[in-house]
Amino acid sequence: MDSKELFFADANSSFEEARFVIFGVPFDGTCSFRKGARFAPKSIREESYNLETYLFEHDVDLEDVPFHDSGDVKCESLEEMMGAVGRTVGNILEKDKFPIIIGGEHSLTPPAVRKFNDIGVVILDAHLDFRNEYLDEPNSHACVTRRVSELVGTENVILLGVRSFDRKEKEEGDSLGLKYIDTSKLKEKGMKKALQDVRWERIYLSIDMDFFDPSFAPGVGNPEYFGLSPEDAKECINILGPKLVGFDIAEVSPPYDNGNTASLAARLIRELIAVLWKSKTK
């Protein structure tokens, strides 16, 4: 890691002392529209310095929480990125710590999920991402849900906030029993009701920032209107928190951002740490 590399704000603990370990994945090699997600880890870290350490709603001060930022993995190719993510998550889990991954594009999720056993996966995403391959690449960010489903079983995956997909991928998802709640139904039900049937004891949560309406998060690779609000993701984190075992946040594209998207991503990471810390120290 470059000595001049910026760390996430308040990540002051050593790896050995930390309960949570952050690392970045500056890769956007399969992005299909607006590239730039490779700049996201740096941008999200920069925005994290504008946020208070004390999260009053949880009565948690992040200065009291042992978490570590190990910097970015090297990922000049898709294969290198997937290998680096898998090795890094494996090392974090081996040391009994919680991995927090800052993307980068969403293709980072399958190699992370591969390192877990006996989990369910909750994905907040505007897109179904259930193509078997995209532009001849089976590990494209447009294939994330398909690859994750193959790893943990389709019955152990649910998507929330979907509002854009190809007809064929929808038909294939339906035939394989893929569970998803589209944006309209999620707004109608509310997050709490949408998650009431999620009964897995160990959950990996992945947030694609295009889950949010572009009015909240304009700087993403594939923006889709009629999306959800930051409060929806916050509620999701708070509901699932005690059962979470891993987390990633992906698809911020700083070249198209006004700072709001990266700032929201940083705030959600801080929300996650506070919720997990409070749930583990009760």
C-alpha atoms as a PDB file:
ATOM      1  CA  MET A   1       0.000   0.000   0.000  1.00  0.00           C
ATOM      2  CA  ASP A   2       1.237   3.480  -0.884  1.00  0.00           C
ATOM      3  CA  SER A   3       2.218   5.424   2.249  1.00  0.00           C
ATOM      4  CA  LYS A   4       0.291   8.409   0.876  1.00  0.00           C
ATOM      5  CA  GLU A   5      -2.910   6.420   0.459  1.00  0.00           C
ATOM      6  CA  LEU A   6      -5.902   7.894   2.256  1.00  0.00           C
ATOM      7  CA  PHE A   7      -7.609   5.825   4.946  1.00  0.00           C
ATOM      8  CA  PHE A   8     -11.286   5.839   5.905  1.00  0.00           C
ATOM      9  CA  ALA A   9     -11.875   8.387   8.648  1.00  0.00           C
ATOM     10  CA  ASP A  10     -11.415   7.132  12.222  1.00  0.00           C
ATOM     11  CA  ALA A  11     -10.091   3.724  11.112  1.00  0.00           C
ATOM     12  CA  ASN A  12      -7.314   4.080  13.648  1.00  0.00           C
ATOM     13  CA  SER A  13      -6.892   0.528  14.888  1.00  0.00           C
ATOM     14  CA  SER A  14      -4.308  -1.956  13.709  1.00  0.00           C
ATOM     15  CA  PHE A  15      -5.460  -5.029  11.806  1.00  0.00           C
ATOM     16  CA  GLU A  16      -4.799  -7.184  14.866  1.00  0.00           C
ATOM     17  CA  GLU A  17      -6.863  -4.971  17.186  1.00  0.00           C
ATOM     18  CA  ALA A  18      -9.720  -4.331  14.757  1.00  0.00           C
ATOM     19  CA  ARG A  19     -13.167  -5.902  14.846  1.00  0.00           C
ATOM     20  CA  PHE A  20     -13.987  -4.568  11.366  1.00  0.00           C
ATOM     21  CA  VAL A  21     -11.624  -4.379   8.402  1.00  0.00           C
ATOM     22  CA  ILE A  22     -12.200  -2.112   5.396  1.00  0.00           C
ATOM     23  CA  PHE A  23     -10.508  -2.522   2.033  1.00  0.00           C
ATOM     24  CA  GLY A  24     -11.018  -0.928  -1.360  1.00  0.00           C
ATOM     25  CA  VAL A  25     -11.405  -2.469  -4.809  1.00  0.00           C
ATOM     26  CA  PRO A  26     -10.580   0.216  -7.416  1.00  0.00           C
ATOM     27  CA  PHE A  27     -11.816  -1.702 -10.469  1.00  0.00           C
ATOM     28  CA  ASP A  28     -14.371  -0.949 -13.223  1.00  0.00           C
ATOM     29  CA  GLY A  29     -13.187  -3.149 -16.078  1.00  0.00           C
ATOM     30  CA  THR A  30     -16.619  -4.569 -16.959  1.00  0.00           C
ATOM     31  CA  CYS A  31     -18.668  -1.389 -16.435  1.00  0.00           C
ATOM     32  CA  SER A  32     -21.177  -1.211 -19.276  1.00  0.00           C
ATOM     33  CA  PHE A  33     -22.139   2.479 -19.320  1.00  0.00           C
ATOM     34  CA  ARG A  34     -20.444   5.178 -17.228  1.00  0.00           C
ATOM     35  CA  LYS A  35     -16.986   4.096 -16.137  1.00  0.00           C
ATOM     36  CA  GLY A  36     -15.282   5.637 -13.147  1.00  0.00           C
ATOM     37  CA  ALA A  37     -16.020   3.243 -10.257  1.00  0.00           C
ATOM     38  CA  ARG A  38     -12.280   2.592  -9.954  1.00  0.00           C
ATOM     39  CA  PHE A  39     -12.009   6.056  -8.379  1.00  0.00           C
ATOM     40  CA  ALA A  40     -14.710   5.356  -5.792  1.00  0.00           C
ATOM     41  CA  PRO A  41     -12.664   3.982  -2.867  1.00  0.00           C
ATOM     42  CA  LYS A  42     -10.580   7.155  -2.774  1.00  0.00           C
ATOM     43  CA  SER A  43     -13.615   9.421  -3.149  1.00  0.00           C
ATOM     44  CA  ILE A  44     -15.624   7.620  -0.461  1.00  0.00           C
ATOM     45  CA  ARG A  45     -12.691   7.801   1.950  1.00  0.00           C
ATOM     46  CA  GLU A  46     -12.328  11.531   1.278  1.00  0.00           C
ATOM     47  CA  GLU A  47     -16.014  12.127   1.994  1.00  0.00           C
ATOM     48  CA  SER A  48     -15.806  10.130   5.231  1.00  0.00           C
ATOM     49  CA  TYR A  49     -13.812  12.972   6.814  1.00  0.00           C
ATOM     50  CA  ASN A  50     -16.808  15.286   6.643  1.00  0.00           C
ATOM     51  CA  LEU A  51     -18.891  13.103   8.973  1.00  0.00           C
ATOM     52  CA  GLU A  52     -19.095  13.220  12.761  1.00  0.00           C
ATOM     53  CA  THR A  53     -17.722  10.309  14.747  1.00  0.00           C
ATOM     54  CA  TYR A  54     -20.766  10.203  17.028  1.00  0.00           C
ATOM     55  CA  LEU A  55     -23.923   8.552  15.669  1.00  0.00           C
ATOM     56  CA  PHE A  56     -26.493   9.840  18.133  1.00  0.00           C
ATOM     57  CA  GLU A  57     -29.324   7.484  17.149  1.00  0.00           C
ATOM     58  CA  HIS A  58     -27.160   4.521  18.205  1.00  0.00           C
ATOM     59  CA  ASP A  59     -25.255   6.300  20.987  1.00  0.00           C
ATOM     60  CA  VAL A  60     -22.059   5.022  19.365  1.00  0.00           C
ATOM     61  CA  ASP A  61     -18.905   7.044  18.841  1.00  0.00           C
ATOM     62  CA  LEU A  62     -16.709   5.552  16.136  1.00  0.00           C
ATOM     63  CA  GLU A  63     -13.646   6.744  18.005  1.00  0.00           C
ATOM     64  CA  ASP A  64     -14.476   3.954  20.469  1.00  0.00           C
ATOM     65  CA  VAL A  65     -14.840   1.270  17.798  1.00  0.00           C
ATOM     66  CA  PRO A  66     -11.791  -0.761  16.720  1.00  0.00           C
ATOM     67  CA  PHE A  67     -11.787  -0.776  12.923  1.00  0.00           C
ATOM     68  CA  HIS A  68      -9.001  -0.816  10.374  1.00  0.00           C
ATOM     69  CA  ASP A  69      -8.574   0.273   6.751  1.00  0.00           C
ATOM     70  CA  SER A  70      -6.075  -1.969   4.974  1.00  0.00           C
ATOM     71  CA  GLY A  71      -6.046   0.104   1.777  1.00  0.00           C
ATOM     72  CA  ASP A  72      -6.786  -1.055  -1.741  1.00  0.00           C
ATOM     73  CA  VAL A  73      -6.162  -4.418  -3.331  1.00  0.00           C
ATOM     74  CA  LYS A  74      -4.269  -4.568  -6.602  1.00  0.00           C
ATOM     75  CA  CYS A  75      -6.662  -5.273  -9.463  1.00  0.00           C
ATOM     76  CA  GLU A  76      -5.452  -4.384 -12.948  1.00  0.00           C
ATOM     77  CA  SER A  77      -7.546  -7.149 -14.544  1.00  0.00           C
ATOM     78  CA  LEU A  78     -10.831  -8.863 -13.725  1.00  0.00           C
ATOM     79  CA  GLU A  79      -9.044 -12.080 -12.827  1.00  0.00           C
ATOM     80  CA  GLU A  80      -6.580 -10.268 -10.590  1.00  0.00           C
ATOM     81  CA  MET A  81      -9.409  -8.393  -8.870  1.00  0.00           C
ATOM     82  CA  MET A  82     -11.414 -11.552  -8.185  1.00  0.00           C
ATOM     83  CA  GLY A  83      -8.394 -13.349  -6.792  1.00  0.00           C
ATOM     84  CA  ALA A  84      -7.378 -10.407  -4.609  1.00  0.00           C
ATOM     85  CA  VAL A  85     -10.880  -9.955  -3.188  1.00  0.00           C
ATOM     86  CA  GLY A  86     -11.157 -13.651  -2.374  1.00  0.00           C
ATOM     87  CA  ARG A  87      -7.768 -13.787  -0.671  1.00  0.00           C
ATOM     88  CA  THR A  88      -8.365 -10.604   1.317  1.00  0.00           C
ATOM     89  CA  VAL A  89     -11.833 -11.618   2.531  1.00  0.00           C
ATOM     90  CA  GLY A  90     -10.499 -15.073   3.394  1.00  0.00           C
ATOM     91  CA  ASN A  91      -7.725 -13.578   5.503  1.00  0.00           C
ATOM     92  CA  ILE A  92     -10.128 -11.232   7.302  1.00  0.00           C
ATOM     93  CA  LEU A  93     -12.511 -14.098   8.123  1.00  0.00           C
ATOM     94  CA  GLU A  94      -9.667 -16.346   9.189  1.00  0.00           C
ATOM     95  CA  LYS A  95      -8.786 -13.740  11.806  1.00  0.00           C
ATOM     96  CA  ASP A  96     -12.434 -13.608  12.933  1.00  0.00           C
ATOM     97  CA  LYS A  97     -13.045 -10.061  11.720  1.00  0.00           C
ATOM     98  CA  PHE A  98     -15.858  -8.466   9.711  1.00  0.00           C
ATOM     99  CA  PRO A  99     -15.033  -7.491   6.084  1.00  0.00           C
ATOM    100  CA  ILE A 100     -16.274  -4.174   4.663  1.00  0.00           C
ATOM    101  CA  ILE A 101     -15.533  -3.802   0.957  1.00  0.00           C
ATOM    102  CA  ILE A 102     -15.545  -0.472  -0.869  1.00  0.00           C
ATOM    103  CA  GLY A 103     -15.999  -0.850  -4.640  1.00  0.00           C
ATOM    104  CA  GLY A 104     -15.388  -0.441  -7.440  1.00  0.00           C
ATOM    105  CA  GLU A 105     -17.885  -2.182  -9.627  1.00  0.00           C
ATOM    106  CA  HIS A 106     -20.306  -4.829  -8.434  1.00  0.00           C
ATOM    107  CA  SER A 107     -18.365  -7.771  -9.877  1.00  0.00           C
ATOM    108  CA  LEU A 108     -16.442  -7.812  -6.573  1.00  0.00           C
ATOM    109  CA  THR A 109     -19.376  -9.478  -4.785  1.00  0.00           C
ATOM    110  CA  PRO A 110     -19.181 -13.099  -6.022  1.00  0.00           C
ATOM    111  CA  PRO A 111     -15.516 -13.659  -5.067  1.00  0.00           C
ATOM    112  CA  ALA A 112     -16.292 -12.198  -1.630  1.00  0.00           C
ATOM    113  CA  VAL A 113     -19.408 -14.344  -1.131  1.00  0.00           C
ATOM    114  CA  ARG A 114     -17.444 -17.454  -2.167  1.00  0.00           C
ATOM    115  CA  LYS A 115     -15.440 -17.227   1.073  1.00  0.00           C
ATOM    116  CA  PHE A 116     -18.498 -17.663   3.325  1.00  0.00           C
ATOM    117  CA  ASN A 117     -20.416 -20.782   4.346  1.00  0.00           C
ATOM    118  CA  ASP A 118     -24.091 -21.131   5.229  1.00  0.00           C
ATOM    119  CA  ILE A 119     -25.249 -17.611   4.362  1.00  0.00           C
ATOM    120  CA  GLY A 120     -28.108 -15.800   2.729  1.00  0.00           C
ATOM    121  CA  VAL A 121     -27.383 -12.808   0.496  1.00  0.00           C
ATOM    122  CA  VAL A 122     -29.439  -9.605   0.428  1.00  0.00           C
ATOM    123  CA  ILE A 123     -28.717  -7.304  -2.517  1.00  0.00           C
ATOM    124  CA  LEU A 124     -29.996  -3.732  -2.849  1.00  0.00           C
ATOM    125  CA  ASP A 125     -29.867  -3.005  -6.578  1.00  0.00           C
ATOM    126  CA  ALA A 126     -31.823  -1.318  -9.352  1.00  0.00           C
ATOM    127  CA  HIS A 127     -30.887  -4.156 -11.724  1.00  0.00           C
ATOM    128  CA  LEU A 128     -31.584  -7.878 -11.682  1.00  0.00           C
ATOM    129  CA  ASP A 129     -28.028  -8.660 -12.887  1.00  0.00           C
ATOM    130  CA  PHE A 130     -29.065 -12.232 -13.690  1.00  0.00           C
ATOM    131  CA  ARG A 131     -27.525 -12.559 -17.140  1.00  0.00           C
ATOM    132  CA  ASN A 132     -25.435 -15.673 -17.638  1.00  0.00           C
ATOM    133  CA  GLU A 133     -22.899 -13.514 -19.449  1.00  0.00           C
ATOM    134  CA  TYR A 134     -22.672  -9.979 -20.789  1.00  0.00           C
ATOM    135  CA  LEU A 135     -20.497  -9.001 -23.743  1.00  0.00           C
ATOM    136  CA  ASP A 136     -19.057 -12.537 -23.581  1.00  0.00           C
ATOM    137  CA  GLU A 137     -17.989 -12.067 -19.944  1.00  0.00           C
ATOM    138  CA  PRO A 138     -19.661 -14.347 -17.353  1.00  0.00           C
ATOM    139  CA  ASN A 139     -18.131 -12.373 -14.464  1.00  0.00           C
ATOM    140  CA  SER A 140     -19.410  -8.988 -15.642  1.00  0.00           C
ATOM    141  CA  HIS A 141     -21.081  -6.660 -13.183  1.00  0.00           C
ATOM    142  CA  ALA A 142     -24.267  -7.454 -15.135  1.00  0.00           C
ATOM    143  CA  CYS A 143     -24.037 -11.104 -13.987  1.00  0.00           C
ATOM    144  CA  VAL A 144     -23.507 -10.617 -10.261  1.00  0.00           C
ATOM    145  CA  THR A 145     -26.784 -12.088  -9.003  1.00  0.00           C
ATOM    146  CA  ARG A 146     -26.456 -15.110 -11.309  1.00  0.00           C
ATOM    147  CA  ARG A 147     -22.971 -15.907 -10.014  1.00  0.00           C
ATOM    148  CA  VAL A 148     -23.946 -15.334  -6.372  1.00  0.00           C
ATOM    149  CA  SER A 149     -26.991 -17.586  -6.808  1.00  0.00           C
ATOM    150  CA  GLU A 150     -24.773 -20.353  -8.150  1.00  0.00           C
ATOM    151  CA  LEU A 151     -22.582 -20.069  -5.061  1.00  0.00           C
ATOM    152  CA  VAL A 152     -25.212 -20.024  -2.301  1.00  0.00           C
ATOM    153  CA  GLY A 153     -28.348 -21.308  -4.068  1.00  0.00           C
ATOM    154  CA  THR A 154     -31.049 -19.191  -5.657  1.00  0.00           C
ATOM    155  CA  GLU A 155     -33.261 -19.814  -2.637  1.00  0.00           C
ATOM    156  CA  ASN A 156     -30.701 -18.004  -0.481  1.00  0.00           C
ATOM    157  CA  VAL A 157     -30.704 -14.744  -2.437  1.00  0.00           C
ATOM    158  CA  ILE A 158     -33.129 -11.822  -2.426  1.00  0.00           C
ATOM    159  CA  LEU A 159     -32.928  -8.538  -4.317  1.00  0.00           C
ATOM    160  CA  LEU A 160     -34.627  -5.355  -3.189  1.00  0.00           C
ATOM    161  CA  GLY A 161     -35.361  -2.243  -5.249  1.00  0.00           C
ATOM    162  CA  VAL A 162     -35.148  -3.828  -8.711  1.00  0.00           C
ATOM    163  CA  ARG A 163     -36.592  -1.741 -11.530  1.00  0.00           C
ATOM    164  CA  SER A 164     -34.578  -2.570 -14.660  1.00  0.00           C
ATOM    165  CA  PHE A 165     -33.874  -5.882 -16.390  1.00  0.00           C
ATOM    166  CA  ASP A 166     -33.793  -7.715 -19.688  1.00  0.00           C
ATOM    167  CA  ARG A 167     -36.841  -9.876 -20.457  1.00  0.00           C
ATOM    168  CA  LYS A 168     -34.745 -13.022 -20.858  1.00  0.00           C
ATOM    169  CA  GLU A 169     -32.942 -12.625 -17.535  1.00  0.00           C
ATOM    170  CA  LYS A 170     -36.286 -12.060 -15.813  1.00  0.00           C
ATOM    171  CA  GLU A 171     -37.690 -15.235 -17.367  1.00  0.00           C
ATOM    172  CA  GLU A 172     -34.610 -17.217 -16.346  1.00  0.00           C
ATOM    173  CA  GLY A 173     -34.708 -15.775 -12.847  1.00  0.00           C
ATOM    174  CA  ASP A 174     -38.394 -16.621 -12.492  1.00  0.00           C
ATOM    175  CA  SER A 175     -37.814 -20.175 -13.746  1.00  0.00           C
ATOM    176  CA  LEU A 176     -35.069 -20.695 -11.165  1.00  0.00           C
ATOM    177  CA  GLY A 177     -37.066 -19.205  -8.301  1.00  0.00           C
ATOM    178  CA  LEU A 178     -35.125 -15.969  -7.876  1.00  0.00           C
ATOM    179  CA  LYS A 179     -36.737 -13.778  -5.220  1.00  0.00           C
ATOM    180  CA  TYR A 180     -36.892 -10.039  -5.754  1.00  0.00           C
ATOM    181  CA  ILE A 181     -39.063  -7.125  -4.712  1.00  0.00           C
ATOM    182  CA  ASP A 182     -39.332  -4.355  -7.256  1.00  0.00           C
ATOM    183  CA  THR A 183     -39.208  -0.690  -6.330  1.00  0.00           C
ATOM    184  CA  SER A 184     -42.971  -0.104  -6.458  1.00  0.00           C
ATOM    185  CA  LYS A 185     -43.746  -3.074  -4.223  1.00  0.00           C
ATOM    186  CA  LEU A 186     -40.931  -2.161  -1.839  1.00  0.00           C
ATOM    187  CA  LYS A 187     -42.270   1.371  -1.479  1.00  0.00           C
ATOM    188  CA  GLU A 188     -45.750  -0.055  -0.883  1.00  0.00           C
ATOM    189  CA  LYS A 189     -44.623  -2.660   1.673  1.00  0.00           C
ATOM    190  CA  GLY A 190     -41.863  -0.750   3.388  1.00  0.00           C
ATOM    191  CA  MET A 191     -38.478  -2.212   4.242  1.00  0.00           C
ATOM    192  CA  LYS A 192     -39.511  -3.829   7.515  1.00  0.00           C
ATOM    193  CA  LYS A 193     -42.303  -5.843   5.941  1.00  0.00           C
ATOM    194  CA  ALA A 194     -40.179  -6.694   2.907  1.00  0.00           C
ATOM    195  CA  LEU A 195     -37.549  -8.256   5.173  1.00  0.00           C
ATOM    196  CA  GLN A 196     -39.892 -10.082   7.550  1.00  0.00           C
ATOM    197  CA  ASP A 197     -39.485 -13.379   5.673  1.00  0.00           C
ATOM    198  CA  VAL A 198     -35.685 -13.152   5.547  1.00  0.00           C
ATOM    199  CA  ARG A 199     -34.884 -15.715   8.212  1.00  0.00           C
ATOM    200  CA  TRP A 200     -31.274 -16.613   7.498  1.00  0.00           C
ATOM    201  CA  GLU A 201     -29.110 -16.488  10.597  1.00  0.00           C
ATOM    202  CA  ARG A 202     -26.022 -15.313   8.679  1.00  0.00           C
ATOM    203  CA  ILE A 203     -26.426 -12.649   6.008  1.00  0.00           C
ATOM    204  CA  TYR A 204     -24.107 -10.953   3.525  1.00  0.00           C
ATOM    205  CA  LEU A 205     -25.386  -7.519   2.464  1.00  0.00           C
ATOM    206  CA  SER A 206     -24.408  -5.927  -0.845  1.00  0.00           C
ATOM    207  CA  ILE A 207     -25.464  -2.396  -1.812  1.00  0.00           C
ATOM    208  CA  ASP A 208     -25.242  -1.226  -5.399  1.00  0.00           C
ATOM    209  CA  MET A 209     -25.567   2.553  -5.194  1.00  0.00           C
ATOM    210  CA  ASP A 210     -27.957   2.645  -8.162  1.00  0.00           C
ATOM    211  CA  PHE A 211     -30.521   1.240  -5.693  1.00  0.00           C
ATOM    212  CA  PHE A 212     -31.085   4.885  -4.786  1.00  0.00           C
ATOM    213  CA  ASP A 213     -32.966   7.332  -6.934  1.00  0.00           C
ATOM    214  CA  PRO A 214     -30.498   9.517  -8.880  1.00  0.00           C
ATOM    215  CA  SER A 215     -31.805  12.541  -6.997  1.00  0.00           C
ATOM    216  CA  PHE A 216     -30.019  11.078  -3.947  1.00  0.00           C
ATOM    217  CA  ALA A 217     -27.134   9.338  -5.705  1.00  0.00           C
ATOM    218  CA  PRO A 218     -26.418  10.807  -9.150  1.00  0.00           C
ATOM    219  CA  GLY A 219     -22.858   9.502  -9.439  1.00  0.00           C
ATOM    220  CA  VAL A 220     -23.365   5.863 -10.414  1.00  0.00           C
ATOM    221  CA  GLY A 221     -22.451   3.797 -13.444  1.00  0.00           C
ATOM    222  CA  ASN A 222     -26.011   2.896 -14.501  1.00  0.00           C
ATOM    223  CA  PRO A 223     -28.543   5.342 -13.009  1.00  0.00           C
ATOM    224  CA  GLU A 224     -32.213   4.325 -12.931  1.00  0.00           C
ATOM    225  CA  TYR A 225     -34.998   6.714 -11.957  1.00  0.00           C
ATOM    226  CA  PHE A 226     -37.901   6.001  -9.594  1.00  0.00           C
ATOM    227  CA  GLY A 227     -35.541   4.573  -6.976  1.00  0.00           C
ATOM    228  CA  LEU A 228     -35.369   4.372  -3.213  1.00  0.00           C
ATOM    229  CA  SER A 229     -34.181   6.756  -0.513  1.00  0.00           C
ATOM    230  CA  PRO A 230     -31.225   6.694   1.907  1.00  0.00           C
ATOM    231  CA  GLU A 231     -33.680   6.021   4.740  1.00  0.00           C
ATOM    232  CA  ASP A 232     -34.619   2.710   3.090  1.00  0.00           C
ATOM    233  CA  ALA A 233     -31.025   1.470   3.098  1.00  0.00           C
ATOM    234  CA  LYS A 234     -30.498   2.757   6.636  1.00  0.00           C
ATOM    235  CA  GLU A 235     -33.531   0.816   7.806  1.00  0.00           C
ATOM    236  CA  CYS A 236     -32.304  -2.307   6.020  1.00  0.00           C
ATOM    237  CA  ILE A 237     -28.929  -2.097   7.786  1.00  0.00           C
ATOM    238  CA  ASN A 238     -30.615  -1.579  11.138  1.00  0.00           C
ATOM    239  CA  ILE A 239     -32.964  -4.549  10.671  1.00  0.00           C
ATOM    240  CA  LEU A 240     -30.344  -6.981   9.394  1.00  0.00           C
ATOM    241  CA  GLY A 241     -27.431  -5.705  11.498  1.00  0.00           C
ATOM    242  CA  PRO A 242     -27.293  -8.423  14.183  1.00  0.00           C
ATOM    243  CA  LYS A 243     -27.167 -11.157  11.502  1.00  0.00           C
ATOM    244  CA  LEU A 244     -24.675  -9.576   9.110  1.00  0.00           C
ATOM    245  CA  VAL A 245     -21.371 -11.359   8.453  1.00  0.00           C
ATOM    246  CA  GLY A 246     -20.054  -9.351   5.491  1.00  0.00           C
ATOM    247  CA  PHE A 247     -20.775  -6.191   3.509  1.00  0.00           C
ATOM    248  CA  ASP A 248     -19.894  -4.433   0.301  1.00  0.00           C
ATOM    249  CA  ILE A 249     -20.913  -1.186  -1.341  1.00  0.00           C
ATOM    250  CA  ALA A 250     -20.388  -0.717  -5.070  1.00  0.00           C
ATOM    251  CA  GLU A 251     -20.863   1.298  -8.246  1.00  0.00           C
ATOM    252  CA  VAL A 252     -20.158   4.860  -7.118  1.00  0.00           C
ATOM    253  CA  SER A 253     -18.784   6.689 -10.173  1.00  0.00           C
ATOM    254  CA  PRO A 254     -17.015   9.880  -9.009  1.00  0.00           C
ATOM    255  CA  PRO A 255     -16.646  11.444 -12.505  1.00  0.00           C
ATOM    256  CA  TYR A 256     -20.454  11.727 -12.596  1.00  0.00           C
ATOM    257  CA  ASP A 257     -20.903  12.669  -8.948  1.00  0.00           C
ATOM    258  CA  ASN A 258     -21.380  15.990  -7.196  1.00  0.00           C
ATOM    259  CA  GLY A 259     -20.059  14.470  -3.982  1.00  0.00           C
ATOM    260  CA  ASN A 260     -23.456  13.316  -2.719  1.00  0.00           C
ATOM    261  CA  THR A 261     -23.120   9.693  -3.846  1.00  0.00           C
ATOM    262  CA  ALA A 262     -19.702   9.135  -2.301  1.00  0.00           C
ATOM    263  CA  SER A 263     -20.815  10.915   0.867  1.00  0.00           C
ATOM    264  CA  LEU A 264     -23.897   8.708   1.142  1.00  0.00           C
ATOM    265  CA  ALA A 265     -21.749   5.595   0.679  1.00  0.00           C
ATOM    266  CA  ALA A 266     -19.398   6.785   3.438  1.00  0.00           C
ATOM    267  CA  ARG A 267     -22.343   7.460   5.753  1.00  0.00           C
ATOM    268  CA  LEU A 268     -23.803   3.995   5.125  1.00  0.00           C
ATOM    269  CA  ILE A 269     -20.475   2.393   6.010  1.00  0.00           C
ATOM    270  CA  ARG A 270     -20.430   4.360   9.268  1.00  0.00           C
ATOM    271  CA  GLU A 271     -24.041   3.356   9.908  1.00  0.00           C
ATOM    272  CA  LEU A 272     -23.123  -0.275   9.389  1.00  0.00           C
ATOM    273  CA  ILE A 273     -20.177  -0.122  11.805  1.00  0.00           C
ATOM    274  CA  ALA A 274     -22.257   1.584  14.494  1.00  0.00           C
ATOM    275  CA  VAL A 275     -25.139  -0.884  14.180  1.00  0.00           C
ATOM    276  CA  LEU A 276     -22.836  -3.898  14.243  1.00  0.00           C
ATOM    277  CA  TRP A 277     -20.816  -2.580  17.156  1.00  0.00           C
ATOM    278  CA  LYS A 278     -23.925  -1.893  19.199  1.00  0.00           C
ATOM    279  CA  SER A 279     -25.394  -5.318  18.405  1.00  0.00           C
ATOM    280  CA  LYS A 280     -22.171  -7.109  19.361  1.00  0.00           C
ATOM    281  CA  THR A 281     -21.663  -5.199  22.620  1.00  0.00           C
ATOM    282  CA  LYS A 282     -25.174  -5.433  24.062  1.00  0.00           C
END
